[in-house]
Amino acid sequence: KLWTWVSKINVHHAKFAWYSLFSVAFADLYIYLLSN
């Protein structure tokens, strides 16, 4: 069951790679601008 679920989202791995790359940088940048 776990393998089938991971297989379904595995096809979107490239998309999630970019989304998470932008989101983690944006989260850090937001806190940086808020802090200064």
PDB file of all heavy atoms in Angstrom:
ATOM      1  N   LYS A   1       0.834  -1.203   0.000  1.00  0.00           N
ATOM      2  CA  LYS A   1       0.000   0.000   0.000  1.00  0.00           C
ATOM      3  C   LYS A   1       0.867   1.251   0.000  1.00  0.00           C
ATOM      4  O   LYS A   1       0.604   2.218  -0.728  1.00  0.00           O
ATOM      5  CB  LYS A   1      -0.927  -0.007   1.218  1.00  0.00           C
ATOM      6  CG  LYS A   1      -2.260  -0.713   1.027  1.00  0.00           C
ATOM      7  CD  LYS A   1      -3.136   0.075   0.067  1.00  0.00           C
ATOM      8  CE  LYS A   1      -4.512  -0.550  -0.055  1.00  0.00           C
ATOM      9  NZ  LYS A   1      -5.371   0.182  -1.018  1.00  0.00           N
ATOM     10  N   LEU A   2       1.897   1.251   0.853  1.00  0.00           N
ATOM     11  CA  LEU A   2       2.803   2.385   0.914  1.00  0.00           C
ATOM     12  C   LEU A   2       3.535   2.571  -0.413  1.00  0.00           C
ATOM     13  O   LEU A   2       3.714   3.691  -0.891  1.00  0.00           O
ATOM     14  CB  LEU A   2       3.815   2.194   2.054  1.00  0.00           C
ATOM     15  CG  LEU A   2       3.266   2.259   3.474  1.00  0.00           C
ATOM     16  CD1 LEU A   2       4.358   1.899   4.477  1.00  0.00           C
ATOM     17  CD2 LEU A   2       2.710   3.643   3.775  1.00  0.00           C
ATOM     18  N   TRP A   3       3.942   1.473  -1.027  1.00  0.00           N
ATOM     19  CA  TRP A   3       4.660   1.528  -2.294  1.00  0.00           C
ATOM     20  C   TRP A   3       3.784   2.115  -3.394  1.00  0.00           C
ATOM     21  O   TRP A   3       4.247   2.929  -4.198  1.00  0.00           O
ATOM     22  CB  TRP A   3       5.123   0.130  -2.670  1.00  0.00           C
ATOM     23  CG  TRP A   3       5.894   0.070  -3.954  1.00  0.00           C
ATOM     24  CD1 TRP A   3       7.217   0.341  -4.138  1.00  0.00           C
ATOM     25  CD2 TRP A   3       5.377  -0.280  -5.239  1.00  0.00           C
ATOM     26  NE1 TRP A   3       7.567   0.181  -5.450  1.00  0.00           N
ATOM     27  CE2 TRP A   3       6.460  -0.200  -6.157  1.00  0.00           C
ATOM     28  CE3 TRP A   3       4.121  -0.665  -5.700  1.00  0.00           C
ATOM     29  CZ2 TRP A   3       6.291  -0.486  -7.514  1.00  0.00           C
ATOM     30  CZ3 TRP A   3       3.954  -0.951  -7.046  1.00  0.00           C
ATOM     31  CH2 TRP A   3       5.030  -0.858  -7.935  1.00  0.00           C
ATOM     32  N   THR A   4       2.510   1.715  -3.445  1.00  0.00           N
ATOM     33  CA  THR A   4       1.612   2.257  -4.461  1.00  0.00           C
ATOM     34  C   THR A   4       1.362   3.743  -4.242  1.00  0.00           C
ATOM     35  O   THR A   4       1.276   4.518  -5.200  1.00  0.00           O
ATOM     36  CB  THR A   4       0.268   1.503  -4.471  1.00  0.00           C
ATOM     37  OG1 THR A   4      -0.318   1.525  -3.151  1.00  0.00           O
ATOM     38  CG2 THR A   4       0.458   0.055  -4.893  1.00  0.00           C
ATOM     39  N   TRP A   5       1.258   4.166  -2.972  1.00  0.00           N
ATOM     40  CA  TRP A   5       1.045   5.587  -2.682  1.00  0.00           C
ATOM     41  C   TRP A   5       2.267   6.405  -3.067  1.00  0.00           C
ATOM     42  O   TRP A   5       2.144   7.451  -3.710  1.00  0.00           O
ATOM     43  CB  TRP A   5       0.733   5.778  -1.205  1.00  0.00           C
ATOM     44  CG  TRP A   5       0.433   7.202  -0.847  1.00  0.00           C
ATOM     45  CD1 TRP A   5      -0.735   7.872  -1.034  1.00  0.00           C
ATOM     46  CD2 TRP A   5       1.338   8.146  -0.250  1.00  0.00           C
ATOM     47  NE1 TRP A   5      -0.626   9.166  -0.590  1.00  0.00           N
ATOM     48  CE2 TRP A   5       0.619   9.367  -0.106  1.00  0.00           C
ATOM     49  CE3 TRP A   5       2.661   8.081   0.190  1.00  0.00           C
ATOM     50  CZ2 TRP A   5       1.210  10.497   0.451  1.00  0.00           C
ATOM     51  CZ3 TRP A   5       3.240   9.218   0.737  1.00  0.00           C
ATOM     52  CH2 TRP A   5       2.520  10.407   0.855  1.00  0.00           C
ATOM     53  N   VAL A   6       3.456   5.916  -2.698  1.00  0.00           N
ATOM     54  CA  VAL A   6       4.688   6.626  -3.046  1.00  0.00           C
ATOM     55  C   VAL A   6       4.879   6.640  -4.559  1.00  0.00           C
ATOM     56  O   VAL A   6       5.338   7.642  -5.127  1.00  0.00           O
ATOM     57  CB  VAL A   6       5.902   5.979  -2.350  1.00  0.00           C
ATOM     58  CG1 VAL A   6       7.206   6.577  -2.857  1.00  0.00           C
ATOM     59  CG2 VAL A   6       5.805   6.159  -0.840  1.00  0.00           C
ATOM     60  N   SER A   7       4.502   5.557  -5.232  1.00  0.00           N
ATOM     61  CA  SER A   7       4.634   5.498  -6.690  1.00  0.00           C
ATOM     62  C   SER A   7       3.771   6.552  -7.374  1.00  0.00           C
ATOM     63  O   SER A   7       4.159   7.116  -8.403  1.00  0.00           O
ATOM     64  CB  SER A   7       4.247   4.101  -7.198  1.00  0.00           C
ATOM     65  OG  SER A   7       5.129   3.119  -6.691  1.00  0.00           O
ATOM     66  N   LYS A   8       2.606   6.826  -6.799  1.00  0.00           N
ATOM     67  CA  LYS A   8       1.708   7.818  -7.392  1.00  0.00           C
ATOM     68  C   LYS A   8       2.293   9.230  -7.302  1.00  0.00           C
ATOM     69  O   LYS A   8       2.162  10.016  -8.238  1.00  0.00           O
ATOM     70  CB  LYS A   8       0.347   7.764  -6.710  1.00  0.00           C
ATOM     71  CG  LYS A   8      -0.463   6.523  -7.033  1.00  0.00           C
ATOM     72  CD  LYS A   8      -1.795   6.519  -6.303  1.00  0.00           C
ATOM     73  CE  LYS A   8      -2.595   5.266  -6.618  1.00  0.00           C
ATOM     74  NZ  LYS A   8      -3.890   5.227  -5.874  1.00  0.00           N
ATOM     75  N   ILE A   9       2.916   9.549  -6.183  1.00  0.00           N
ATOM     76  CA  ILE A   9       3.490  10.890  -6.052  1.00  0.00           C
ATOM     77  C   ILE A   9       4.905  10.955  -6.615  1.00  0.00           C
ATOM     78  O   ILE A   9       5.425  12.039  -6.870  1.00  0.00           O
ATOM     79  CB  ILE A   9       3.483  11.375  -4.587  1.00  0.00           C
ATOM     80  CG1 ILE A   9       4.375  10.498  -3.702  1.00  0.00           C
ATOM     81  CG2 ILE A   9       2.067  11.430  -4.041  1.00  0.00           C
ATOM     82  CD1 ILE A   9       4.529  11.030  -2.292  1.00  0.00           C
ATOM     83  N   ASN A  10       5.519   9.779  -6.845  1.00  0.00           N
ATOM     84  CA  ASN A  10       6.874   9.751  -7.403  1.00  0.00           C
ATOM     85  C   ASN A  10       6.925  10.366  -8.792  1.00  0.00           C
ATOM     86  O   ASN A  10       7.928  10.982  -9.172  1.00  0.00           O
ATOM     87  CB  ASN A  10       7.390   8.309  -7.428  1.00  0.00           C
ATOM     88  CG  ASN A  10       8.747   8.193  -8.096  1.00  0.00           C
ATOM     89  OD1 ASN A  10       8.857   7.733  -9.231  1.00  0.00           O
ATOM     90  ND2 ASN A  10       9.790   8.614  -7.397  1.00  0.00           N
ATOM     91  N   VAL A  11       5.843  10.229  -9.554  1.00  0.00           N
ATOM     92  CA  VAL A  11       5.826  10.791 -10.907  1.00  0.00           C
ATOM     93  C   VAL A  11       5.850  12.320 -10.888  1.00  0.00           C
ATOM     94  O   VAL A  11       6.144  12.947 -11.910  1.00  0.00           O
ATOM     95  CB  VAL A  11       4.590  10.291 -11.691  1.00  0.00           C
ATOM     96  CG1 VAL A  11       4.644   8.781 -11.848  1.00  0.00           C
ATOM     97  CG2 VAL A  11       3.300  10.704 -11.005  1.00  0.00           C
ATOM     98  N   HIS A  12       5.534  12.916  -9.727  1.00  0.00           N
ATOM     99  CA  HIS A  12       5.552  14.372  -9.588  1.00  0.00           C
ATOM    100  C   HIS A  12       6.786  14.852  -8.826  1.00  0.00           C
ATOM    101  O   HIS A  12       6.826  15.987  -8.367  1.00  0.00           O
ATOM    102  CB  HIS A  12       4.294  14.849  -8.864  1.00  0.00           C
ATOM    103  CG  HIS A  12       3.016  14.434  -9.525  1.00  0.00           C
ATOM    104  ND1 HIS A  12       2.600  14.946 -10.734  1.00  0.00           N
ATOM    105  CD2 HIS A  12       2.064  13.541  -9.143  1.00  0.00           C
ATOM    106  CE1 HIS A  12       1.445  14.405 -11.072  1.00  0.00           C
ATOM    107  NE2 HIS A  12       1.100  13.547 -10.137  1.00  0.00           N
ATOM    108  N   HIS A  13       7.774  13.977  -8.690  1.00  0.00           N
ATOM    109  CA  HIS A  13       8.949  14.292  -7.876  1.00  0.00           C
ATOM    110  C   HIS A  13       9.668  15.548  -8.358  1.00  0.00           C
ATOM    111  O   HIS A  13      10.088  16.390  -7.549  1.00  0.00           O
ATOM    112  CB  HIS A  13       9.918  13.108  -7.888  1.00  0.00           C
ATOM    113  CG  HIS A  13      11.063  13.237  -6.941  1.00  0.00           C
ATOM    114  ND1 HIS A  13      10.916  13.475  -5.596  1.00  0.00           N
ATOM    115  CD2 HIS A  13      12.411  13.175  -7.159  1.00  0.00           C
ATOM    116  CE1 HIS A  13      12.098  13.548  -5.012  1.00  0.00           C
ATOM    117  NE2 HIS A  13      13.020  13.372  -5.936  1.00  0.00           N
ATOM    118  N   ALA A  14       9.802  15.700  -9.655  1.00  0.00           N
ATOM    119  CA  ALA A  14      10.491  16.879 -10.211  1.00  0.00           C
ATOM    120  C   ALA A  14       9.742  18.158  -9.850  1.00  0.00           C
ATOM    121  O   ALA A  14      10.354  19.170  -9.478  1.00  0.00           O
ATOM    122  CB  ALA A  14      10.610  16.741 -11.723  1.00  0.00           C
ATOM    123  N   LYS A  15       8.429  18.116  -9.936  1.00  0.00           N
ATOM    124  CA  LYS A  15       7.617  19.284  -9.605  1.00  0.00           C
ATOM    125  C   LYS A  15       7.760  19.645  -8.133  1.00  0.00           C
ATOM    126  O   LYS A  15       7.930  20.823  -7.784  1.00  0.00           O
ATOM    127  CB  LYS A  15       6.159  19.005  -9.958  1.00  0.00           C
ATOM    128  CG  LYS A  15       5.207  20.135  -9.664  1.00  0.00           C
ATOM    129  CD  LYS A  15       3.829  19.847 -10.263  1.00  0.00           C
ATOM    130  CE  LYS A  15       3.208  18.600  -9.662  1.00  0.00           C
ATOM    131  NZ  LYS A  15       1.850  18.358 -10.202  1.00  0.00           N
ATOM    132  N   PHE A  16       7.702  18.634  -7.268  1.00  0.00           N
ATOM    133  CA  PHE A  16       7.840  18.894  -5.834  1.00  0.00           C
ATOM    134  C   PHE A  16       9.241  19.373  -5.493  1.00  0.00           C
ATOM    135  O   PHE A  16       9.430  20.127  -4.532  1.00  0.00           O
ATOM    136  CB  PHE A  16       7.499  17.635  -5.032  1.00  0.00           C
ATOM    137  CG  PHE A  16       6.069  17.207  -5.152  1.00  0.00           C
ATOM    138  CD1 PHE A  16       5.730  15.863  -5.227  1.00  0.00           C
ATOM    139  CD2 PHE A  16       5.051  18.152  -5.186  1.00  0.00           C
ATOM    140  CE1 PHE A  16       4.409  15.469  -5.330  1.00  0.00           C
ATOM    141  CE2 PHE A  16       3.720  17.758  -5.290  1.00  0.00           C
ATOM    142  CZ  PHE A  16       3.406  16.412  -5.373  1.00  0.00           C
ATOM    143  N   ALA A  17      10.231  18.930  -6.270  1.00  0.00           N
ATOM    144  CA  ALA A  17      11.607  19.378  -6.045  1.00  0.00           C
ATOM    145  C   ALA A  17      11.702  20.885  -6.223  1.00  0.00           C
ATOM    146  O   ALA A  17      12.317  21.588  -5.403  1.00  0.00           O
ATOM    147  CB  ALA A  17      12.555  18.662  -7.010  1.00  0.00           C
ATOM    148  N   TRP A  18      11.101  21.411  -7.285  1.00  0.00           N
ATOM    149  CA  TRP A  18      11.145  22.854  -7.528  1.00  0.00           C
ATOM    150  C   TRP A  18      10.252  23.619  -6.558  1.00  0.00           C
ATOM    151  O   TRP A  18      10.638  24.678  -6.060  1.00  0.00           O
ATOM    152  CB  TRP A  18      10.758  23.154  -8.970  1.00  0.00           C
ATOM    153  CG  TRP A  18      11.805  22.750  -9.945  1.00  0.00           C
ATOM    154  CD1 TRP A  18      11.726  21.758 -10.875  1.00  0.00           C
ATOM    155  CD2 TRP A  18      13.127  23.290 -10.052  1.00  0.00           C
ATOM    156  NE1 TRP A  18      12.911  21.658 -11.570  1.00  0.00           N
ATOM    157  CE2 TRP A  18      13.783  22.586 -11.090  1.00  0.00           C
ATOM    158  CE3 TRP A  18      13.816  24.297  -9.391  1.00  0.00           C
ATOM    159  CZ2 TRP A  18      15.089  22.867 -11.472  1.00  0.00           C
ATOM    160  CZ3 TRP A  18      15.114  24.589  -9.767  1.00  0.00           C
ATOM    161  CH2 TRP A  18      15.747  23.875 -10.789  1.00  0.00           C
ATOM    162  N   TYR A  19       9.059  23.104  -6.295  1.00  0.00           N
ATOM    163  CA  TYR A  19       8.157  23.785  -5.359  1.00  0.00           C
ATOM    164  C   TYR A  19       8.814  23.942  -3.990  1.00  0.00           C
ATOM    165  O   TYR A  19       8.762  25.013  -3.377  1.00  0.00           O
ATOM    166  CB  TYR A  19       6.849  23.014  -5.215  1.00  0.00           C
ATOM    167  CG  TYR A  19       5.930  23.095  -6.406  1.00  0.00           C
ATOM    168  CD1 TYR A  19       4.790  22.293  -6.486  1.00  0.00           C
ATOM    169  CD2 TYR A  19       6.190  23.948  -7.476  1.00  0.00           C
ATOM    170  CE1 TYR A  19       3.929  22.353  -7.575  1.00  0.00           C
ATOM    171  CE2 TYR A  19       5.356  24.011  -8.571  1.00  0.00           C
ATOM    172  CZ  TYR A  19       4.221  23.215  -8.615  1.00  0.00           C
ATOM    173  OH  TYR A  19       3.383  23.267  -9.704  1.00  0.00           O
ATOM    174  N   SER A  20       9.413  22.858  -3.494  1.00  0.00           N
ATOM    175  CA  SER A  20      10.041  22.899  -2.165  1.00  0.00           C
ATOM    176  C   SER A  20      11.287  23.770  -2.161  1.00  0.00           C
ATOM    177  O   SER A  20      11.617  24.394  -1.153  1.00  0.00           O
ATOM    178  CB  SER A  20      10.376  21.482  -1.692  1.00  0.00           C
ATOM    179  OG  SER A  20      11.275  20.843  -2.576  1.00  0.00           O
ATOM    180  N   LEU A  21      11.990  23.820  -3.306  1.00  0.00           N
ATOM    181  CA  LEU A  21      13.173  24.677  -3.394  1.00  0.00           C
ATOM    182  C   LEU A  21      12.785  26.140  -3.245  1.00  0.00           C
ATOM    183  O   LEU A  21      13.404  26.890  -2.484  1.00  0.00           O
ATOM    184  CB  LEU A  21      13.869  24.459  -4.745  1.00  0.00           C
ATOM    185  CG  LEU A  21      15.230  25.127  -4.915  1.00  0.00           C
ATOM    186  CD1 LEU A  21      16.300  24.352  -4.162  1.00  0.00           C
ATOM    187  CD2 LEU A  21      15.601  25.221  -6.393  1.00  0.00           C
ATOM    188  N   PHE A  22      11.732  26.536  -3.946  1.00  0.00           N
ATOM    189  CA  PHE A  22      11.266  27.920  -3.860  1.00  0.00           C
ATOM    190  C   PHE A  22      10.647  28.210  -2.492  1.00  0.00           C
ATOM    191  O   PHE A  22      10.840  29.303  -1.943  1.00  0.00           O
ATOM    192  CB  PHE A  22      10.241  28.205  -4.962  1.00  0.00           C
ATOM    193  CG  PHE A  22      10.838  28.264  -6.335  1.00  0.00           C
ATOM    194  CD1 PHE A  22      10.338  27.474  -7.356  1.00  0.00           C
ATOM    195  CD2 PHE A  22      11.910  29.104  -6.615  1.00  0.00           C
ATOM    196  CE1 PHE A  22      10.885  27.523  -8.631  1.00  0.00           C
ATOM    197  CE2 PHE A  22      12.464  29.165  -7.879  1.00  0.00           C
ATOM    198  CZ  PHE A  22      11.949  28.365  -8.897  1.00  0.00           C
ATOM    199  N   SER A  23       9.899  27.256  -1.942  1.00  0.00           N
ATOM    200  CA  SER A  23       9.198  27.506  -0.679  1.00  0.00           C
ATOM    201  C   SER A  23      10.165  27.675   0.487  1.00  0.00           C
ATOM    202  O   SER A  23       9.962  28.534   1.345  1.00  0.00           O
ATOM    203  CB  SER A  23       8.199  26.379  -0.386  1.00  0.00           C
ATOM    204  OG  SER A  23       8.851  25.159  -0.080  1.00  0.00           O
ATOM    205  N   VAL A  24      11.236  26.866   0.531  1.00  0.00           N
ATOM    206  CA  VAL A  24      12.170  26.967   1.646  1.00  0.00           C
ATOM    207  C   VAL A  24      12.968  28.268   1.560  1.00  0.00           C
ATOM    208  O   VAL A  24      13.256  28.913   2.591  1.00  0.00           O
ATOM    209  CB  VAL A  24      13.102  25.733   1.698  1.00  0.00           C
ATOM    210  CG1 VAL A  24      14.095  25.737   0.545  1.00  0.00           C
ATOM    211  CG2 VAL A  24      13.835  25.652   3.026  1.00  0.00           C
ATOM    212  N   ALA A  25      13.310  28.692   0.335  1.00  0.00           N
ATOM    213  CA  ALA A  25      14.018  29.961   0.167  1.00  0.00           C
ATOM    214  C   ALA A  25      13.100  31.134   0.505  1.00  0.00           C
ATOM    215  O   ALA A  25      13.530  32.107   1.143  1.00  0.00           O
ATOM    216  CB  ALA A  25      14.535  30.085  -1.264  1.00  0.00           C
ATOM    217  N   PHE A  26      11.835  31.035   0.096  1.00  0.00           N
ATOM    218  CA  PHE A  26      10.891  32.113   0.375  1.00  0.00           C
ATOM    219  C   PHE A  26      10.605  32.220   1.873  1.00  0.00           C
ATOM    220  O   PHE A  26      10.498  33.333   2.417  1.00  0.00           O
ATOM    221  CB  PHE A  26       9.587  31.884  -0.381  1.00  0.00           C
ATOM    222  CG  PHE A  26       8.583  32.992  -0.218  1.00  0.00           C
ATOM    223  CD1 PHE A  26       8.745  34.204  -0.882  1.00  0.00           C
ATOM    224  CD2 PHE A  26       7.482  32.840   0.621  1.00  0.00           C
ATOM    225  CE1 PHE A  26       7.833  35.242  -0.724  1.00  0.00           C
ATOM    226  CE2 PHE A  26       6.563  33.867   0.785  1.00  0.00           C
ATOM    227  CZ  PHE A  26       6.739  35.067   0.117  1.00  0.00           C
ATOM    228  N   ALA A  27      10.492  31.070   2.560  1.00  0.00           N
ATOM    229  CA  ALA A  27      10.255  31.082   4.005  1.00  0.00           C
ATOM    230  C   ALA A  27      11.413  31.751   4.736  1.00  0.00           C
ATOM    231  O   ALA A  27      11.215  32.560   5.648  1.00  0.00           O
ATOM    232  CB  ALA A  27      10.057  29.658   4.513  1.00  0.00           C
ATOM    233  N   ASP A  28      12.642  31.420   4.332  1.00  0.00           N
ATOM    234  CA  ASP A  28      13.813  32.048   4.944  1.00  0.00           C
ATOM    235  C   ASP A  28      13.848  33.539   4.644  1.00  0.00           C
ATOM    236  O   ASP A  28      14.127  34.352   5.532  1.00  0.00           O
ATOM    237  CB  ASP A  28      15.090  31.388   4.433  1.00  0.00           C
ATOM    238  CG  ASP A  28      16.338  32.095   4.922  1.00  0.00           C
ATOM    239  OD1 ASP A  28      16.727  31.887   6.087  1.00  0.00           O
ATOM    240  OD2 ASP A  28      16.912  32.892   4.147  1.00  0.00           O
ATOM    241  N   LEU A  29      13.567  33.913   3.387  1.00  0.00           N
ATOM    242  CA  LEU A  29      13.601  35.319   3.005  1.00  0.00           C
ATOM    243  C   LEU A  29      12.539  36.118   3.757  1.00  0.00           C
ATOM    244  O   LEU A  29      12.802  37.255   4.183  1.00  0.00           O
ATOM    245  CB  LEU A  29      13.377  35.457   1.500  1.00  0.00           C
ATOM    246  CG  LEU A  29      13.371  36.883   0.934  1.00  0.00           C
ATOM    247  CD1 LEU A  29      14.722  37.556   1.170  1.00  0.00           C
ATOM    248  CD2 LEU A  29      13.025  36.870  -0.549  1.00  0.00           C
ATOM    249  N   TYR A  30      11.362  35.533   3.946  1.00  0.00           N
ATOM    250  CA  TYR A  30      10.296  36.226   4.673  1.00  0.00           C
ATOM    251  C   TYR A  30      10.724  36.507   6.110  1.00  0.00           C
ATOM    252  O   TYR A  30      10.540  37.620   6.623  1.00  0.00           O
ATOM    253  CB  TYR A  30       9.019  35.382   4.661  1.00  0.00           C
ATOM    254  CG  TYR A  30       7.887  35.989   5.454  1.00  0.00           C
ATOM    255  CD1 TYR A  30       7.096  36.997   4.910  1.00  0.00           C
ATOM    256  CD2 TYR A  30       7.613  35.572   6.758  1.00  0.00           C
ATOM    257  CE1 TYR A  30       6.064  37.571   5.631  1.00  0.00           C
ATOM    258  CE2 TYR A  30       6.588  36.127   7.496  1.00  0.00           C
ATOM    259  CZ  TYR A  30       5.811  37.137   6.922  1.00  0.00           C
ATOM    260  OH  TYR A  30       4.793  37.697   7.653  1.00  0.00           O
ATOM    261  N   ILE A  31      11.306  35.515   6.765  1.00  0.00           N
ATOM    262  CA  ILE A  31      11.749  35.692   8.155  1.00  0.00           C
ATOM    263  C   ILE A  31      12.898  36.686   8.220  1.00  0.00           C
ATOM    264  O   ILE A  31      12.976  37.503   9.146  1.00  0.00           O
ATOM    265  CB  ILE A  31      12.156  34.330   8.752  1.00  0.00           C
ATOM    266  CG1 ILE A  31      10.913  33.443   8.892  1.00  0.00           C
ATOM    267  CG2 ILE A  31      12.853  34.501  10.102  1.00  0.00           C
ATOM    268  CD1 ILE A  31      11.209  32.030   9.336  1.00  0.00           C
ATOM    269  N   TYR A  32      13.778  36.659   7.235  1.00  0.00           N
ATOM    270  CA  TYR A  32      14.890  37.613   7.175  1.00  0.00           C
ATOM    271  C   TYR A  32      14.372  39.049   7.068  1.00  0.00           C
ATOM    272  O   TYR A  32      14.809  39.938   7.810  1.00  0.00           O
ATOM    273  CB  TYR A  32      15.791  37.275   5.991  1.00  0.00           C
ATOM    274  CG  TYR A  32      16.855  38.311   5.717  1.00  0.00           C
ATOM    275  CD1 TYR A  32      17.989  38.409   6.517  1.00  0.00           C
ATOM    276  CD2 TYR A  32      16.731  39.200   4.642  1.00  0.00           C
ATOM    277  CE1 TYR A  32      18.972  39.350   6.268  1.00  0.00           C
ATOM    278  CE2 TYR A  32      17.702  40.149   4.381  1.00  0.00           C
ATOM    279  CZ  TYR A  32      18.824  40.219   5.195  1.00  0.00           C
ATOM    280  OH  TYR A  32      19.788  41.166   4.950  1.00  0.00           O
ATOM    281  N   LEU A  33      13.441  39.289   6.160  1.00  0.00           N
ATOM    282  CA  LEU A  33      12.891  40.635   5.973  1.00  0.00           C
ATOM    283  C   LEU A  33      12.060  41.069   7.167  1.00  0.00           C
ATOM    284  O   LEU A  33      12.044  42.243   7.542  1.00  0.00           O
ATOM    285  CB  LEU A  33      12.038  40.676   4.700  1.00  0.00           C
ATOM    286  CG  LEU A  33      12.784  40.429   3.385  1.00  0.00           C
ATOM    287  CD1 LEU A  33      11.811  40.407   2.221  1.00  0.00           C
ATOM    288  CD2 LEU A  33      13.862  41.490   3.165  1.00  0.00           C
ATOM    289  N   LEU A  34      11.394  40.110   7.800  1.00  0.00           N
ATOM    290  CA  LEU A  34      10.597  40.417   8.984  1.00  0.00           C
ATOM    291  C   LEU A  34      11.509  40.774  10.153  1.00  0.00           C
ATOM    292  O   LEU A  34      11.244  41.714  10.912  1.00  0.00           O
ATOM    293  CB  LEU A  34       9.739  39.198   9.338  1.00  0.00           C
ATOM    294  CG  LEU A  34       8.530  39.408  10.257  1.00  0.00           C
ATOM    295  CD1 LEU A  34       7.508  40.317   9.599  1.00  0.00           C
ATOM    296  CD2 LEU A  34       7.890  38.062  10.587  1.00  0.00           C
ATOM    297  N   SER A  35      12.615  40.061  10.267  1.00  0.00           N
ATOM    298  CA  SER A  35      13.527  40.276  11.380  1.00  0.00           C
ATOM    299  C   SER A  35      14.268  41.603  11.281  1.00  0.00           C
ATOM    300  O   SER A  35      14.483  42.273  12.301  1.00  0.00           O
ATOM    301  CB  SER A  35      14.536  39.122  11.441  1.00  0.00           C
ATOM    302  OG  SER A  35      15.496  39.329  12.455  1.00  0.00           O
ATOM    303  N   ASN A  36      14.671  41.992  10.059  1.00  0.00           N
ATOM    304  CA  ASN A  36      15.426  43.240   9.934  1.00  0.00           C
ATOM    305  C   ASN A  36      14.541  44.471   9.788  1.00  0.00           C
ATOM    306  O   ASN A  36      15.025  45.571   9.565  1.00  0.00           O
ATOM    307  CB  ASN A  36      16.429  43.158   8.773  1.00  0.00           C
ATOM    308  CG  ASN A  36      15.760  43.038   7.414  1.00  0.00           C
ATOM    309  OD1 ASN A  36      14.587  43.365   7.234  1.00  0.00           O
ATOM    310  ND2 ASN A  36      16.525  42.562   6.438  1.00  0.00           N
TER     311      ASN A  36
END
